[in-house]
């Protein structure tokens, strides 16, 4: 538990920055985390996509 707490704590140089300096880091960290996750699932095959489009438009 101690190692987990230590890994979540801010480095001393980061904690010494004023809050205004940390504001640009928040969206950058969010975008970096989002990019590292990737898509939730692979896209469906082309046949499924085509069938969904035809069903949506009533061309069954």
N, C-alpha and C. Protein backbone atom coordinates (compact mmCIF):
# COMPACT_ATOMS: atom_id res chain seq x y z
N UNK A 1 0.82 -1.19 0.00
CA UNK A 1 0.00 0.00 0.00
C UNK A 1 0.87 1.25 0.00
N UNK A 2 1.99 1.18 0.64
CA UNK A 2 2.88 2.33 0.71
C UNK A 2 3.44 2.67 -0.67
N UNK A 3 3.77 1.63 -1.46
CA UNK A 3 4.31 1.88 -2.80
C UNK A 3 3.26 2.51 -3.70
N UNK A 4 2.02 2.10 -3.54
CA UNK A 4 0.94 2.68 -4.34
C UNK A 4 0.73 4.14 -3.98
N UNK A 5 0.76 4.44 -2.69
CA UNK A 5 0.60 5.83 -2.25
C UNK A 5 1.75 6.69 -2.74
N UNK A 6 2.95 6.17 -2.69
CA UNK A 6 4.11 6.93 -3.14
C UNK A 6 4.06 7.16 -4.64
N UNK A 7 3.53 6.20 -5.39
CA UNK A 7 3.48 6.39 -6.84
C UNK A 7 2.40 7.39 -7.24
N UNK A 8 1.39 7.58 -6.40
CA UNK A 8 0.33 8.53 -6.72
C UNK A 8 0.65 9.94 -6.24
N UNK A 9 1.66 10.10 -5.40
CA UNK A 9 1.97 11.43 -4.90
C UNK A 9 2.71 12.23 -5.97
N UNK A 10 2.57 13.54 -5.91
CA UNK A 10 3.19 14.42 -6.88
C UNK A 10 4.68 14.54 -6.62
N UNK A 11 5.48 14.66 -7.66
CA UNK A 11 6.91 14.96 -7.44
C UNK A 11 7.05 16.32 -6.77
N UNK A 12 8.14 16.52 -6.06
CA UNK A 12 8.30 17.75 -5.30
C UNK A 12 8.34 18.99 -6.20
N UNK A 13 8.91 18.87 -7.41
CA UNK A 13 8.96 20.03 -8.29
C UNK A 13 7.58 20.38 -8.85
N UNK A 14 6.73 19.36 -9.02
CA UNK A 14 5.39 19.59 -9.53
C UNK A 14 4.50 20.21 -8.45
N UNK A 15 4.68 19.79 -7.22
CA UNK A 15 3.89 20.33 -6.11
C UNK A 15 4.27 21.78 -5.82
N UNK A 16 5.48 22.20 -6.19
CA UNK A 16 5.93 23.55 -5.92
C UNK A 16 5.40 24.55 -6.95
N UNK A 17 4.85 24.09 -8.06
CA UNK A 17 4.32 24.98 -9.08
C UNK A 17 3.01 25.61 -8.63
N UNK A 18 2.74 26.85 -9.04
CA UNK A 18 1.44 27.44 -8.72
C UNK A 18 0.32 26.73 -9.50
N UNK A 19 -0.89 26.88 -9.03
CA UNK A 19 -2.02 26.18 -9.65
C UNK A 19 -2.21 26.60 -11.10
N UNK A 20 -1.92 27.85 -11.42
CA UNK A 20 -2.09 28.32 -12.80
C UNK A 20 -1.14 27.60 -13.76
N UNK A 21 0.01 27.19 -13.27
CA UNK A 21 0.96 26.48 -14.12
C UNK A 21 0.51 25.04 -14.38
N UNK A 22 -0.30 24.50 -13.49
CA UNK A 22 -0.76 23.12 -13.66
C UNK A 22 -1.98 23.01 -14.58
N UNK A 23 -2.67 24.12 -14.80
CA UNK A 23 -3.89 24.07 -15.61
C UNK A 23 -3.67 23.51 -17.02
N UNK A 24 -2.64 23.89 -17.76
CA UNK A 24 -2.46 23.28 -19.09
C UNK A 24 -2.10 21.80 -19.03
N UNK A 25 -1.59 21.34 -17.90
CA UNK A 25 -1.20 19.93 -17.78
C UNK A 25 -2.41 19.01 -17.65
N UNK A 26 -3.53 19.52 -17.14
CA UNK A 26 -4.70 18.67 -16.92
C UNK A 26 -5.28 18.18 -18.24
N UNK A 27 -5.59 19.06 -19.22
CA UNK A 27 -6.10 18.52 -20.49
C UNK A 27 -5.07 17.69 -21.23
N UNK A 28 -3.80 18.05 -21.10
CA UNK A 28 -2.76 17.27 -21.78
C UNK A 28 -2.69 15.86 -21.19
N UNK A 29 -2.79 15.74 -19.89
CA UNK A 29 -2.78 14.41 -19.26
C UNK A 29 -4.01 13.61 -19.64
N UNK A 30 -5.15 14.29 -19.72
CA UNK A 30 -6.39 13.61 -20.13
C UNK A 30 -6.28 13.09 -21.55
N UNK A 31 -5.78 13.91 -22.46
CA UNK A 31 -5.63 13.47 -23.85
C UNK A 31 -4.61 12.36 -24.00
N UNK A 32 -3.54 12.42 -23.22
CA UNK A 32 -2.54 11.35 -23.27
C UNK A 32 -3.13 10.03 -22.77
N UNK A 33 -3.92 10.10 -21.71
CA UNK A 33 -4.56 8.88 -21.19
C UNK A 33 -5.58 8.34 -22.19
N UNK A 34 -6.32 9.23 -22.81
CA UNK A 34 -7.31 8.82 -23.80
C UNK A 34 -6.65 8.17 -25.02
N UNK A 35 -5.53 8.72 -25.46
CA UNK A 35 -4.83 8.16 -26.61
C UNK A 35 -4.21 6.81 -26.28
N UNK A 36 -3.81 6.61 -25.04
CA UNK A 36 -3.20 5.34 -24.68
C UNK A 36 -4.22 4.22 -24.56
N UNK A 37 -5.49 4.57 -24.35
CA UNK A 37 -6.52 3.54 -24.19
C UNK A 37 -6.90 2.91 -25.53
N UNK A 38 -6.99 3.70 -26.57
CA UNK A 38 -7.38 3.16 -27.87
C UNK A 38 -8.89 2.95 -27.93
N UNK A 39 -9.38 2.35 -29.00
CA UNK A 39 -10.82 2.15 -29.14
C UNK A 39 -11.33 1.10 -28.16
N UNK A 40 -12.61 1.22 -27.77
CA UNK A 40 -13.20 0.28 -26.81
C UNK A 40 -13.35 -1.11 -27.42
N UNK A 41 -13.66 -1.16 -28.68
CA UNK A 41 -13.80 -2.45 -29.37
C UNK A 41 -13.49 -2.24 -30.84
N UNK A 42 -13.14 -3.30 -31.54
CA UNK A 42 -12.84 -3.13 -32.97
C UNK A 42 -14.11 -2.78 -33.74
N UNK A 43 -13.97 -2.07 -34.86
CA UNK A 43 -15.15 -1.72 -35.65
C UNK A 43 -15.81 -2.97 -36.23
N UNK A 44 -17.10 -2.93 -36.48
CA UNK A 44 -17.79 -4.11 -37.03
C UNK A 44 -17.35 -4.36 -38.48
N UNK A 45 -17.57 -5.56 -38.95
CA UNK A 45 -17.24 -5.85 -40.36
C UNK A 45 -18.08 -5.00 -41.31
N UNK A 46 -17.63 -4.89 -42.53
CA UNK A 46 -18.31 -4.04 -43.52
C UNK A 46 -19.73 -4.54 -43.80
N UNK A 47 -19.94 -5.86 -43.76
CA UNK A 47 -21.27 -6.40 -44.02
C UNK A 47 -22.26 -5.95 -42.96
N UNK A 48 -21.84 -5.91 -41.72
CA UNK A 48 -22.72 -5.49 -40.63
C UNK A 48 -23.05 -4.01 -40.78
N UNK A 49 -22.05 -3.21 -41.13
CA UNK A 49 -22.27 -1.78 -41.31
C UNK A 49 -23.24 -1.53 -42.46
N UNK A 50 -23.06 -2.23 -43.57
CA UNK A 50 -23.95 -2.06 -44.72
C UNK A 50 -25.37 -2.49 -44.37
N UNK A 51 -25.52 -3.59 -43.65
CA UNK A 51 -26.86 -4.06 -43.28
C UNK A 51 -27.53 -3.05 -42.34
N UNK A 52 -26.78 -2.46 -41.46
CA UNK A 52 -27.35 -1.46 -40.54
C UNK A 52 -27.81 -0.23 -41.30
N UNK A 53 -27.02 0.19 -42.28
CA UNK A 53 -27.40 1.37 -43.07
C UNK A 53 -28.67 1.08 -43.88
N UNK A 54 -28.74 -0.10 -44.51
CA UNK A 54 -29.93 -0.44 -45.28
C UNK A 54 -31.15 -0.57 -44.37
N UNK A 55 -30.97 -1.14 -43.18
CA UNK A 55 -32.10 -1.28 -42.26
C UNK A 55 -32.56 0.08 -41.77
N UNK A 56 -31.64 0.97 -41.56
CA UNK A 56 -31.98 2.32 -41.08
C UNK A 56 -32.78 3.09 -42.12
N UNK A 57 -32.46 2.90 -43.38
CA UNK A 57 -33.14 3.62 -44.44
C UNK A 57 -34.32 2.87 -45.03
N UNK A 58 -34.57 1.67 -44.54
CA UNK A 58 -35.73 0.91 -44.98
C UNK A 58 -35.55 0.14 -46.27
N UNK A 59 -34.34 -0.08 -46.71
CA UNK A 59 -34.08 -0.83 -47.94
C UNK A 59 -33.67 -2.27 -47.62
N UNK A 60 -34.57 -2.99 -47.02
CA UNK A 60 -34.23 -4.36 -46.60
C UNK A 60 -34.46 -5.31 -47.73
